[in-house]
Amino acid sequence: MSGLMIRTDGVELATQSFGDPNQPPLLLIMGGMASMLWWPEEFCRRLGERGRFVIRYDQRDSGLSTKYPPGRPGYTFEDAVDDVFRVLDGYGIPNAHIVGFSLGGMVGQVAALKSPERVLSLTAISTSPVGVDTSHFPPSGEAWLEHMAVEADWSDRADAVAYLVEDLRLTAGMARPFDEAGTRAFLERDFDRSGGYLSATNHSVLFEIGETWRGRLDEMNVPLLVLHGTADPVFPPTHGETLARTVKDAKFVKIEGGGHELHPGDWEEIISAIDEHVARSMCV
């Protein structure tokens, strides 16, 4: 693993890479309020061992990347999309395979629509279709919505960590055990590395995608793989199914019993599906 801080256009984007730079590049985009550490190191290493050059990065207001005052994000959703290409430019990579989780999957969808020549393939995990009316979709889990209605003190380490432990418990699937101790230890490490989560609350602006991309998904010509847990309480499976159905020749894979998570028990299935998708798209 090696790190690279990309400084461009007045922004610093912290990145790490795994594997051989001479292999096909695979860029990982994590979801809202989550640093690149939410792509676990071992997960990244396993992807790299499949003959891929894997890059993960901190989006703005997370991890070690540029932070903005709470409530005053100096960026929009479009900037988050352009940051994908800033990271690739920082590595001198003209195009790459992209994997996005949750909000990262939405960023990946628009990146594929905006600059398809730079996106060799897209894998969207536990995400929602961009520019689609989802108001009639099955609702998110009631227990999770009730938890989301509670205000956390994001500046307080103990309170923020406790809140997120419960959040991750509620968004986990039913098929695998929830590792509370391991989750708490990870969140404490992530909080300390990031210097707190207060600025990460600015990520709410990233859900303001705007009208530019409404009704555009059927224009996507990038090979698409959609992975979605059957027990996802944040974005129920209808979100992933609709995304795959809207994009021509997309493939949909269910993670049986999976929630809104990258559970270690599902890594082999997820990594194998990504690897096969990348290999297939390279043969097109």
C-alpha atoms as a PDB file:
ATOM      1  CA  MET A   1       0.000   0.000   0.000  1.00  0.00           C
ATOM      2  CA  SER A   2       1.262   3.473  -0.863  1.00  0.00           C
ATOM      3  CA  GLY A   3      -0.205   6.925  -0.336  1.00  0.00           C
ATOM      4  CA  LEU A   4      -0.443   9.955  -2.593  1.00  0.00           C
ATOM      5  CA  MET A   5      -1.858  13.377  -1.721  1.00  0.00           C
ATOM      6  CA  ILE A   6      -3.246  14.940  -4.877  1.00  0.00           C
ATOM      7  CA  ARG A   7      -3.201  18.735  -4.861  1.00  0.00           C
ATOM      8  CA  THR A   8      -5.110  20.361  -7.697  1.00  0.00           C
ATOM      9  CA  ASP A   9      -7.581  23.201  -8.253  1.00  0.00           C
ATOM     10  CA  GLY A  10      -7.143  24.326  -4.647  1.00  0.00           C
ATOM     11  CA  VAL A  11      -8.189  20.919  -3.276  1.00  0.00           C
ATOM     12  CA  GLU A  12      -6.255  18.188  -1.494  1.00  0.00           C
ATOM     13  CA  LEU A  13      -7.452  14.623  -2.043  1.00  0.00           C
ATOM     14  CA  ALA A  14      -5.815  11.906   0.041  1.00  0.00           C
ATOM     15  CA  THR A  15      -5.428   8.585  -1.750  1.00  0.00           C
ATOM     16  CA  GLN A  16      -3.909   5.145  -1.289  1.00  0.00           C
ATOM     17  CA  SER A  17      -3.144   2.472  -3.851  1.00  0.00           C
ATOM     18  CA  PHE A  18      -2.727  -1.304  -3.805  1.00  0.00           C
ATOM     19  CA  GLY A  19      -1.216  -3.652  -6.336  1.00  0.00           C
ATOM     20  CA  ASP A  20       0.769  -3.233  -9.532  1.00  0.00           C
ATOM     21  CA  PRO A  21       0.397   0.142 -11.332  1.00  0.00           C
ATOM     22  CA  ASN A  22       0.869  -1.702 -14.623  1.00  0.00           C
ATOM     23  CA  GLN A  23      -2.385  -3.614 -14.094  1.00  0.00           C
ATOM     24  CA  PRO A  24      -5.878  -2.321 -15.020  1.00  0.00           C
ATOM     25  CA  PRO A  25      -6.826   0.538 -12.646  1.00  0.00           C
ATOM     26  CA  LEU A  26      -9.804   0.186 -10.321  1.00  0.00           C
ATOM     27  CA  LEU A  27     -10.995   3.317  -8.484  1.00  0.00           C
ATOM     28  CA  LEU A  28     -13.123   2.926  -5.348  1.00  0.00           C
ATOM     29  CA  ILE A  29     -15.620   5.643  -4.305  1.00  0.00           C
ATOM     30  CA  MET A  30     -17.092   5.393  -0.814  1.00  0.00           C
ATOM     31  CA  GLY A  31     -20.439   6.736   0.427  1.00  0.00           C
ATOM     32  CA  GLY A  32     -21.527   9.739   2.443  1.00  0.00           C
ATOM     33  CA  MET A  33     -19.661  10.713   5.636  1.00  0.00           C
ATOM     34  CA  ALA A  34     -17.279   7.820   5.053  1.00  0.00           C
ATOM     35  CA  SER A  35     -13.539   8.058   4.502  1.00  0.00           C
ATOM     36  CA  MET A  36     -11.624   5.720   2.235  1.00  0.00           C
ATOM     37  CA  LEU A  37     -10.967   3.485   5.262  1.00  0.00           C
ATOM     38  CA  TRP A  38     -14.537   2.232   4.828  1.00  0.00           C
ATOM     39  CA  TRP A  39     -13.061   0.295   1.926  1.00  0.00           C
ATOM     40  CA  PRO A  40     -11.198  -2.108   4.249  1.00  0.00           C
ATOM     41  CA  GLU A  41      -7.496  -2.549   3.585  1.00  0.00           C
ATOM     42  CA  GLU A  42      -7.802  -6.319   3.288  1.00  0.00           C
ATOM     43  CA  PHE A  43     -10.670  -5.924   0.811  1.00  0.00           C
ATOM     44  CA  CYS A  44      -8.472  -3.642  -1.316  1.00  0.00           C
ATOM     45  CA  ARG A  45      -5.527  -6.023  -1.105  1.00  0.00           C
ATOM     46  CA  ARG A  46      -7.648  -8.934  -2.280  1.00  0.00           C
ATOM     47  CA  LEU A  47      -8.846  -6.914  -5.253  1.00  0.00           C
ATOM     48  CA  GLY A  48      -5.240  -6.020  -6.030  1.00  0.00           C
ATOM     49  CA  GLU A  49      -4.267  -9.689  -5.900  1.00  0.00           C
ATOM     50  CA  ARG A  50      -6.732 -10.322  -8.735  1.00  0.00           C
ATOM     51  CA  GLY A  51      -4.433  -8.363 -11.033  1.00  0.00           C
ATOM     52  CA  ARG A  52      -5.875  -4.888 -10.503  1.00  0.00           C
ATOM     53  CA  PHE A  53      -4.298  -1.564  -9.512  1.00  0.00           C
ATOM     54  CA  VAL A  54      -6.685  -0.466  -6.775  1.00  0.00           C
ATOM     55  CA  ILE A  55      -7.056   3.158  -5.644  1.00  0.00           C
ATOM     56  CA  ARG A  56      -9.182   4.424  -2.768  1.00  0.00           C
ATOM     57  CA  TYR A  57      -9.516   8.055  -1.712  1.00  0.00           C
ATOM     58  CA  ASP A  58     -11.028  10.378   0.858  1.00  0.00           C
ATOM     59  CA  GLN A  59     -13.766  12.527  -0.598  1.00  0.00           C
ATOM     60  CA  ARG A  60     -13.751  16.164   0.502  1.00  0.00           C
ATOM     61  CA  ASP A  61     -14.725  16.637   4.158  1.00  0.00           C
ATOM     62  CA  SER A  62     -13.643  13.085   5.019  1.00  0.00           C
ATOM     63  CA  GLY A  63     -10.397  11.523   6.134  1.00  0.00           C
ATOM     64  CA  LEU A  64      -7.339  13.621   5.309  1.00  0.00           C
ATOM     65  CA  SER A  65      -8.782  15.489   2.326  1.00  0.00           C
ATOM     66  CA  THR A  66      -9.753  19.169   2.266  1.00  0.00           C
ATOM     67  CA  LYS A  67     -12.223  20.137   4.991  1.00  0.00           C
ATOM     68  CA  TYR A  68     -14.763  22.960   4.995  1.00  0.00           C
ATOM     69  CA  PRO A  69     -16.566  24.674   7.884  1.00  0.00           C
ATOM     70  CA  PRO A  70     -19.657  22.733   9.025  1.00  0.00           C
ATOM     71  CA  GLY A  71     -22.681  23.928   7.118  1.00  0.00           C
ATOM     72  CA  ARG A  72     -20.561  25.693   4.498  1.00  0.00           C
ATOM     73  CA  PRO A  73     -19.353  23.101   1.991  1.00  0.00           C
ATOM     74  CA  GLY A  74     -17.274  24.678  -0.746  1.00  0.00           C
ATOM     75  CA  TYR A  75     -18.381  22.158  -3.335  1.00  0.00           C
ATOM     76  CA  THR A  76     -21.364  20.521  -5.016  1.00  0.00           C
ATOM     77  CA  PHE A  77     -22.265  17.059  -6.245  1.00  0.00           C
ATOM     78  CA  GLU A  78     -20.745  17.986  -9.610  1.00  0.00           C
ATOM     79  CA  ASP A  79     -17.444  18.743  -7.881  1.00  0.00           C
ATOM     80  CA  ALA A  80     -17.544  15.299  -6.268  1.00  0.00           C
ATOM     81  CA  VAL A  81     -17.918  13.796  -9.737  1.00  0.00           C
ATOM     82  CA  ASP A  82     -15.036  15.864 -11.081  1.00  0.00           C
ATOM     83  CA  ASP A  83     -12.911  14.749  -8.117  1.00  0.00           C
ATOM     84  CA  VAL A  84     -13.085  11.240  -9.560  1.00  0.00           C
ATOM     85  CA  PHE A  85     -11.209  12.511 -12.600  1.00  0.00           C
ATOM     86  CA  ARG A  86      -8.875  14.637 -10.469  1.00  0.00           C
ATOM     87  CA  VAL A  87      -7.780  11.466  -8.688  1.00  0.00           C
ATOM     88  CA  LEU A  88      -7.219   9.666 -11.979  1.00  0.00           C
ATOM     89  CA  ASP A  89      -5.280  12.654 -13.331  1.00  0.00           C
ATOM     90  CA  GLY A  90      -3.152  12.666 -10.177  1.00  0.00           C
ATOM     91  CA  TYR A  91      -2.058   9.126 -11.006  1.00  0.00           C
ATOM     92  CA  GLY A  92      -1.668   9.882 -14.717  1.00  0.00           C
ATOM     93  CA  ILE A  93      -4.472   7.436 -15.537  1.00  0.00           C
ATOM     94  CA  PRO A  94      -6.611   8.262 -18.611  1.00  0.00           C
ATOM     95  CA  ASN A  95      -9.470   5.912 -17.713  1.00  0.00           C
ATOM     96  CA  ALA A  96     -10.352   3.321 -15.091  1.00  0.00           C
ATOM     97  CA  HIS A  97     -12.866   0.805 -13.851  1.00  0.00           C
ATOM     98  CA  ILE A  98     -14.959   2.394 -11.096  1.00  0.00           C
ATOM     99  CA  VAL A  99     -16.613   0.832  -8.061  1.00  0.00           C
ATOM    100  CA  GLY A 100     -18.955   2.982  -5.979  1.00  0.00           C
ATOM    101  CA  PHE A 101     -20.750   2.179  -2.740  1.00  0.00           C
ATOM    102  CA  SER A 102     -24.019   3.936  -1.775  1.00  0.00           C
ATOM    103  CA  LEU A 103     -23.550   7.664  -2.489  1.00  0.00           C
ATOM    104  CA  GLY A 104     -20.290   6.685  -4.187  1.00  0.00           C
ATOM    105  CA  GLY A 105     -22.360   4.621  -6.601  1.00  0.00           C
ATOM    106  CA  MET A 106     -24.368   7.729  -7.487  1.00  0.00           C
ATOM    107  CA  VAL A 107     -21.160   9.671  -8.093  1.00  0.00           C
ATOM    108  CA  GLY A 108     -19.999   6.802 -10.282  1.00  0.00           C
ATOM    109  CA  GLN A 109     -23.210   6.816 -12.320  1.00  0.00           C
ATOM    110  CA  VAL A 110     -22.845  10.487 -13.187  1.00  0.00           C
ATOM    111  CA  ALA A 111     -19.120  10.079 -13.888  1.00  0.00           C
ATOM    112  CA  ALA A 112     -20.038   7.368 -16.408  1.00  0.00           C
ATOM    113  CA  LEU A 113     -22.669   9.618 -17.998  1.00  0.00           C
ATOM    114  CA  LYS A 114     -20.529  12.759 -17.981  1.00  0.00           C
ATOM    115  CA  SER A 115     -17.248  11.306 -19.278  1.00  0.00           C
ATOM    116  CA  PRO A 116     -17.847   7.748 -20.523  1.00  0.00           C
ATOM    117  CA  GLU A 117     -14.454   7.749 -22.243  1.00  0.00           C
ATOM    118  CA  ARG A 118     -12.831   7.797 -18.793  1.00  0.00           C
ATOM    119  CA  VAL A 119     -14.945   5.039 -17.230  1.00  0.00           C
ATOM    120  CA  LEU A 120     -14.116   1.559 -18.506  1.00  0.00           C
ATOM    121  CA  SER A 121     -16.778  -0.097 -16.372  1.00  0.00           C
ATOM    122  CA  LEU A 122     -18.930   0.712 -13.352  1.00  0.00           C
ATOM    123  CA  THR A 123     -19.837  -1.463 -10.400  1.00  0.00           C
ATOM    124  CA  ALA A 124     -22.548   0.076  -8.219  1.00  0.00           C
ATOM    125  CA  ILE A 125     -23.012  -1.419  -4.750  1.00  0.00           C
ATOM    126  CA  SER A 126     -25.974  -0.711  -2.437  1.00  0.00           C
ATOM    127  CA  THR A 127     -26.906   2.459  -4.289  1.00  0.00           C
ATOM    128  CA  SER A 128     -29.875   4.238  -5.866  1.00  0.00           C
ATOM    129  CA  PRO A 129     -30.523   5.162  -9.504  1.00  0.00           C
ATOM    130  CA  VAL A 130     -29.646   8.779 -10.293  1.00  0.00           C
ATOM    131  CA  GLY A 131     -32.320  10.941 -11.903  1.00  0.00           C
ATOM    132  CA  VAL A 132     -35.134   8.479 -11.217  1.00  0.00           C
ATOM    133  CA  ASP A 133     -38.262   9.204  -9.165  1.00  0.00           C
ATOM    134  CA  THR A 134     -37.904   6.822  -6.219  1.00  0.00           C
ATOM    135  CA  SER A 135     -40.799   8.226  -4.159  1.00  0.00           C
ATOM    136  CA  HIS A 136     -42.934   5.168  -4.907  1.00  0.00           C
ATOM    137  CA  PHE A 137     -40.179   2.679  -4.005  1.00  0.00           C
ATOM    138  CA  PRO A 138     -40.431   0.624  -0.788  1.00  0.00           C
ATOM    139  CA  PRO A 139     -39.441   2.853   2.151  1.00  0.00           C
ATOM    140  CA  SER A 140     -36.224   2.583   4.110  1.00  0.00           C
ATOM    141  CA  GLY A 141     -36.333   0.507   7.295  1.00  0.00           C
ATOM    142  CA  GLU A 142     -38.403   2.096  10.035  1.00  0.00           C
ATOM    143  CA  ALA A 143     -35.864   1.451  12.810  1.00  0.00           C
ATOM    144  CA  TRP A 144     -33.099   3.038  10.742  1.00  0.00           C
ATOM    145  CA  LEU A 145     -35.255   6.077   9.893  1.00  0.00           C
ATOM    146  CA  GLU A 146     -36.051   6.556  13.582  1.00  0.00           C
ATOM    147  CA  HIS A 147     -32.344   6.417  14.369  1.00  0.00           C
ATOM    148  CA  MET A 148     -31.579   8.943  11.631  1.00  0.00           C
ATOM    149  CA  ALA A 149     -34.047  11.349  13.245  1.00  0.00           C
ATOM    150  CA  VAL A 150     -31.857  11.462  16.365  1.00  0.00           C
ATOM    151  CA  GLU A 151     -29.242  14.220  16.461  1.00  0.00           C
ATOM    152  CA  ALA A 152     -25.682  13.149  17.232  1.00  0.00           C
ATOM    153  CA  ASP A 153     -22.954  15.390  18.601  1.00  0.00           C
ATOM    154  CA  TRP A 154     -20.471  14.881  15.770  1.00  0.00           C
ATOM    155  CA  SER A 155     -17.789  16.868  17.563  1.00  0.00           C
ATOM    156  CA  ASP A 156     -17.827  14.465  20.514  1.00  0.00           C
ATOM    157  CA  ARG A 157     -15.845  11.281  19.898  1.00  0.00           C
ATOM    158  CA  ALA A 158     -17.803   9.021  22.233  1.00  0.00           C
ATOM    159  CA  ASP A 159     -21.208  10.252  21.073  1.00  0.00           C
ATOM    160  CA  ALA A 160     -20.332  10.136  17.369  1.00  0.00           C
ATOM    161  CA  VAL A 161     -18.862   6.646  17.613  1.00  0.00           C
ATOM    162  CA  ALA A 162     -21.803   5.322  19.654  1.00  0.00           C
ATOM    163  CA  TYR A 163     -24.254   6.799  17.143  1.00  0.00           C
ATOM    164  CA  LEU A 164     -22.485   5.213  14.183  1.00  0.00           C
ATOM    165  CA  VAL A 165     -22.139   1.836  15.890  1.00  0.00           C
ATOM    166  CA  GLU A 166     -25.921   1.772  16.220  1.00  0.00           C
ATOM    167  CA  ASP A 167     -26.327   3.051  12.666  1.00  0.00           C
ATOM    168  CA  LEU A 168     -24.168   0.243  11.311  1.00  0.00           C
ATOM    169  CA  ARG A 169     -26.003  -2.315  13.427  1.00  0.00           C
ATOM    170  CA  LEU A 170     -29.320  -1.161  11.969  1.00  0.00           C
ATOM    171  CA  THR A 171     -28.073  -1.152   8.381  1.00  0.00           C
ATOM    172  CA  ALA A 172     -26.401  -4.554   8.598  1.00  0.00           C
ATOM    173  CA  GLY A 173     -27.997  -7.558   6.952  1.00  0.00           C
ATOM    174  CA  MET A 174     -29.548 -10.553   8.657  1.00  0.00           C
ATOM    175  CA  ALA A 175     -27.285 -13.271   7.273  1.00  0.00           C
ATOM    176  CA  ARG A 176     -24.052 -12.371   9.073  1.00  0.00           C
ATOM    177  CA  PRO A 177     -23.132 -11.596  12.699  1.00  0.00           C
ATOM    178  CA  PHE A 178     -22.537  -7.963  13.641  1.00  0.00           C
ATOM    179  CA  ASP A 179     -19.074  -7.369  15.098  1.00  0.00           C
ATOM    180  CA  GLU A 180     -19.758  -4.599  17.623  1.00  0.00           C
ATOM    181  CA  ALA A 181     -16.295  -4.531  19.169  1.00  0.00           C
ATOM    182  CA  GLY A 182     -14.545  -4.490  15.807  1.00  0.00           C
ATOM    183  CA  THR A 183     -16.925  -1.845  14.481  1.00  0.00           C
ATOM    184  CA  ARG A 184     -16.345   0.400  17.483  1.00  0.00           C
ATOM    185  CA  ALA A 185     -12.557   0.064  17.215  1.00  0.00           C
ATOM    186  CA  PHE A 186     -12.690   0.909  13.503  1.00  0.00           C
ATOM    187  CA  LEU A 187     -14.864   3.979  14.052  1.00  0.00           C
ATOM    188  CA  GLU A 188     -12.589   5.274  16.800  1.00  0.00           C
ATOM    189  CA  ARG A 189      -9.609   4.935  14.474  1.00  0.00           C
ATOM    190  CA  ASP A 190     -11.472   6.591  11.607  1.00  0.00           C
ATOM    191  CA  PHE A 191     -12.662   9.454  13.855  1.00  0.00           C
ATOM    192  CA  ASP A 192      -9.134  10.100  15.099  1.00  0.00           C
ATOM    193  CA  ARG A 193      -7.601   9.995  11.620  1.00  0.00           C
ATOM    194  CA  SER A 194     -10.225  12.371  10.251  1.00  0.00           C
ATOM    195  CA  GLY A 195      -9.958  14.799  13.133  1.00  0.00           C
ATOM    196  CA  GLY A 196     -13.649  14.291  13.853  1.00  0.00           C
ATOM    197  CA  TYR A 197     -16.800  13.943  11.793  1.00  0.00           C
ATOM    198  CA  LEU A 198     -18.224  17.441  12.078  1.00  0.00           C
ATOM    199  CA  SER A 199     -17.198  18.551   8.577  1.00  0.00           C
ATOM    200  CA  ALA A 200     -18.424  15.258   7.127  1.00  0.00           C
ATOM    201  CA  THR A 201     -21.985  16.389   7.820  1.00  0.00           C
ATOM    202  CA  ASN A 202     -21.478  18.657   4.803  1.00  0.00           C
ATOM    203  CA  HIS A 203     -21.930  15.561   2.656  1.00  0.00           C
ATOM    204  CA  SER A 204     -25.672  16.197   2.779  1.00  0.00           C
ATOM    205  CA  VAL A 205     -25.010  18.571  -0.133  1.00  0.00           C
ATOM    206  CA  LEU A 206     -23.951  15.599  -2.249  1.00  0.00           C
ATOM    207  CA  PHE A 207     -27.544  14.371  -2.359  1.00  0.00           C
ATOM    208  CA  GLU A 208     -28.496  17.574  -4.205  1.00  0.00           C
ATOM    209  CA  ILE A 209     -27.873  16.047  -7.605  1.00  0.00           C
ATOM    210  CA  GLY A 210     -30.080  18.445  -9.556  1.00  0.00           C
ATOM    211  CA  GLU A 211     -32.113  18.208 -12.720  1.00  0.00           C
ATOM    212  CA  THR A 212     -29.217  17.887 -15.164  1.00  0.00           C
ATOM    213  CA  TRP A 213     -29.175  14.108 -14.843  1.00  0.00           C
ATOM    214  CA  ARG A 214     -32.908  13.434 -14.550  1.00  0.00           C
ATOM    215  CA  GLY A 215     -34.052  10.709 -16.931  1.00  0.00           C
ATOM    216  CA  ARG A 216     -30.563  10.205 -18.364  1.00  0.00           C
ATOM    217  CA  LEU A 217     -29.657   6.736 -17.080  1.00  0.00           C
ATOM    218  CA  ASP A 218     -30.771   4.987 -20.246  1.00  0.00           C
ATOM    219  CA  GLU A 219     -28.022   6.912 -22.053  1.00  0.00           C
ATOM    220  CA  MET A 220     -25.305   5.055 -20.122  1.00  0.00           C
ATOM    221  CA  ASN A 221     -23.108   3.002 -22.436  1.00  0.00           C
ATOM    222  CA  VAL A 222     -20.553   1.939 -19.835  1.00  0.00           C
ATOM    223  CA  PRO A 223     -20.677  -1.751 -18.772  1.00  0.00           C
ATOM    224  CA  LEU A 224     -22.618  -1.795 -15.500  1.00  0.00           C
ATOM    225  CA  LEU A 225     -22.729  -4.319 -12.659  1.00  0.00           C
ATOM    226  CA  VAL A 226     -25.150  -3.722  -9.785  1.00  0.00           C
ATOM    227  CA  LEU A 227     -24.625  -5.524  -6.464  1.00  0.00           C
ATOM    228  CA  HIS A 228     -27.331  -5.168  -3.837  1.00  0.00           C
ATOM    229  CA  GLY A 229     -28.128  -6.827  -0.521  1.00  0.00           C
ATOM    230  CA  THR A 230     -31.574  -8.365  -0.308  1.00  0.00           C
ATOM    231  CA  ALA A 231     -31.969  -6.990   3.238  1.00  0.00           C
ATOM    232  CA  ASP A 232     -30.678  -3.455   2.608  1.00  0.00           C
ATOM    233  CA  PRO A 233     -32.735  -1.155   4.875  1.00  0.00           C
ATOM    234  CA  VAL A 234     -31.314   2.104   3.455  1.00  0.00           C
ATOM    235  CA  PHE A 235     -31.934   1.497  -0.241  1.00  0.00           C
ATOM    236  CA  PRO A 236     -34.240  -1.543  -0.515  1.00  0.00           C
ATOM    237  CA  PRO A 237     -33.415  -3.850  -3.447  1.00  0.00           C
ATOM    238  CA  THR A 238     -35.867  -2.084  -5.772  1.00  0.00           C
ATOM    239  CA  HIS A 239     -33.273   0.708  -6.077  1.00  0.00           C
ATOM    240  CA  GLY A 240     -30.617  -1.613  -7.436  1.00  0.00           C
ATOM    241  CA  GLU A 241     -33.055  -3.561  -9.586  1.00  0.00           C
ATOM    242  CA  THR A 242     -34.315  -0.364 -11.191  1.00  0.00           C
ATOM    243  CA  LEU A 243     -30.795   0.851 -11.896  1.00  0.00           C
ATOM    244  CA  ALA A 244     -29.886  -2.421 -13.595  1.00  0.00           C
ATOM    245  CA  ARG A 245     -33.150  -2.529 -15.538  1.00  0.00           C
ATOM    246  CA  THR A 246     -32.731   1.042 -16.819  1.00  0.00           C
ATOM    247  CA  VAL A 247     -29.198   0.652 -18.181  1.00  0.00           C
ATOM    248  CA  LYS A 248     -28.854  -1.510 -21.273  1.00  0.00           C
ATOM    249  CA  ASP A 249     -27.137  -4.883 -20.760  1.00  0.00           C
ATOM    250  CA  ALA A 250     -26.502  -4.211 -17.047  1.00  0.00           C
ATOM    251  CA  LYS A 251     -26.076  -7.189 -14.752  1.00  0.00           C
ATOM    252  CA  PHE A 252     -27.799  -7.422 -11.358  1.00  0.00           C
ATOM    253  CA  VAL A 253     -26.439  -9.624  -8.559  1.00  0.00           C
ATOM    254  CA  LYS A 254     -28.227 -10.130  -5.257  1.00  0.00           C
ATOM    255  CA  ILE A 255     -26.218 -10.477  -2.061  1.00  0.00           C
ATOM    256  CA  GLU A 256     -28.531 -12.812  -0.187  1.00  0.00           C
ATOM    257  CA  GLY A 257     -29.297 -11.517   3.288  1.00  0.00           C
ATOM    258  CA  GLY A 258     -26.884  -8.617   2.814  1.00  0.00           C
ATOM    259  CA  GLY A 259     -27.572  -5.181   4.203  1.00  0.00           C
ATOM    260  CA  HIS A 260     -26.158  -1.743   3.436  1.00  0.00           C
ATOM    261  CA  GLU A 261     -22.631  -2.912   4.098  1.00  0.00           C
ATOM    262  CA  LEU A 262     -19.445  -4.570   2.929  1.00  0.00           C
ATOM    263  CA  HIS A 263     -19.539  -7.489   5.330  1.00  0.00           C
ATOM    264  CA  PRO A 264     -16.340  -9.597   5.368  1.00  0.00           C
ATOM    265  CA  GLY A 265     -18.486 -12.682   4.948  1.00  0.00           C
ATOM    266  CA  ASP A 266     -19.569 -11.355   1.553  1.00  0.00           C
ATOM    267  CA  TRP A 267     -16.179 -10.147   0.341  1.00  0.00           C
ATOM    268  CA  GLU A 268     -15.360 -13.194  -1.757  1.00  0.00           C
ATOM    269  CA  GLU A 269     -18.657 -12.974  -3.619  1.00  0.00           C
ATOM    270  CA  ILE A 270     -18.323  -9.208  -4.131  1.00  0.00           C
ATOM    271  CA  ILE A 271     -14.675  -9.309  -5.179  1.00  0.00           C
ATOM    272  CA  SER A 272     -15.246 -12.201  -7.580  1.00  0.00           C
ATOM    273  CA  ALA A 273     -18.207 -10.405  -9.164  1.00  0.00           C
ATOM    274  CA  ILE A 274     -16.164  -7.198  -9.610  1.00  0.00           C
ATOM    275  CA  ASP A 275     -13.221  -9.141 -11.026  1.00  0.00           C
ATOM    276  CA  GLU A 276     -15.413 -10.983 -13.542  1.00  0.00           C
ATOM    277  CA  HIS A 277     -17.159  -7.750 -14.542  1.00  0.00           C
ATOM    278  CA  VAL A 278     -13.859  -5.957 -15.131  1.00  0.00           C
ATOM    279  CA  ALA A 279     -12.488  -8.870 -17.140  1.00  0.00           C
ATOM    280  CA  ARG A 280     -15.673  -9.101 -19.210  1.00  0.00           C
ATOM    281  CA  SER A 281     -15.701  -5.369 -19.953  1.00  0.00           C
ATOM    282  CA  MET A 282     -12.084  -5.544 -21.132  1.00  0.00           C
ATOM    283  CA  CYS A 283     -13.112  -8.097 -23.748  1.00  0.00           C
ATOM    284  CA  VAL A 284     -15.893  -5.946 -25.213  1.00  0.00           C
END
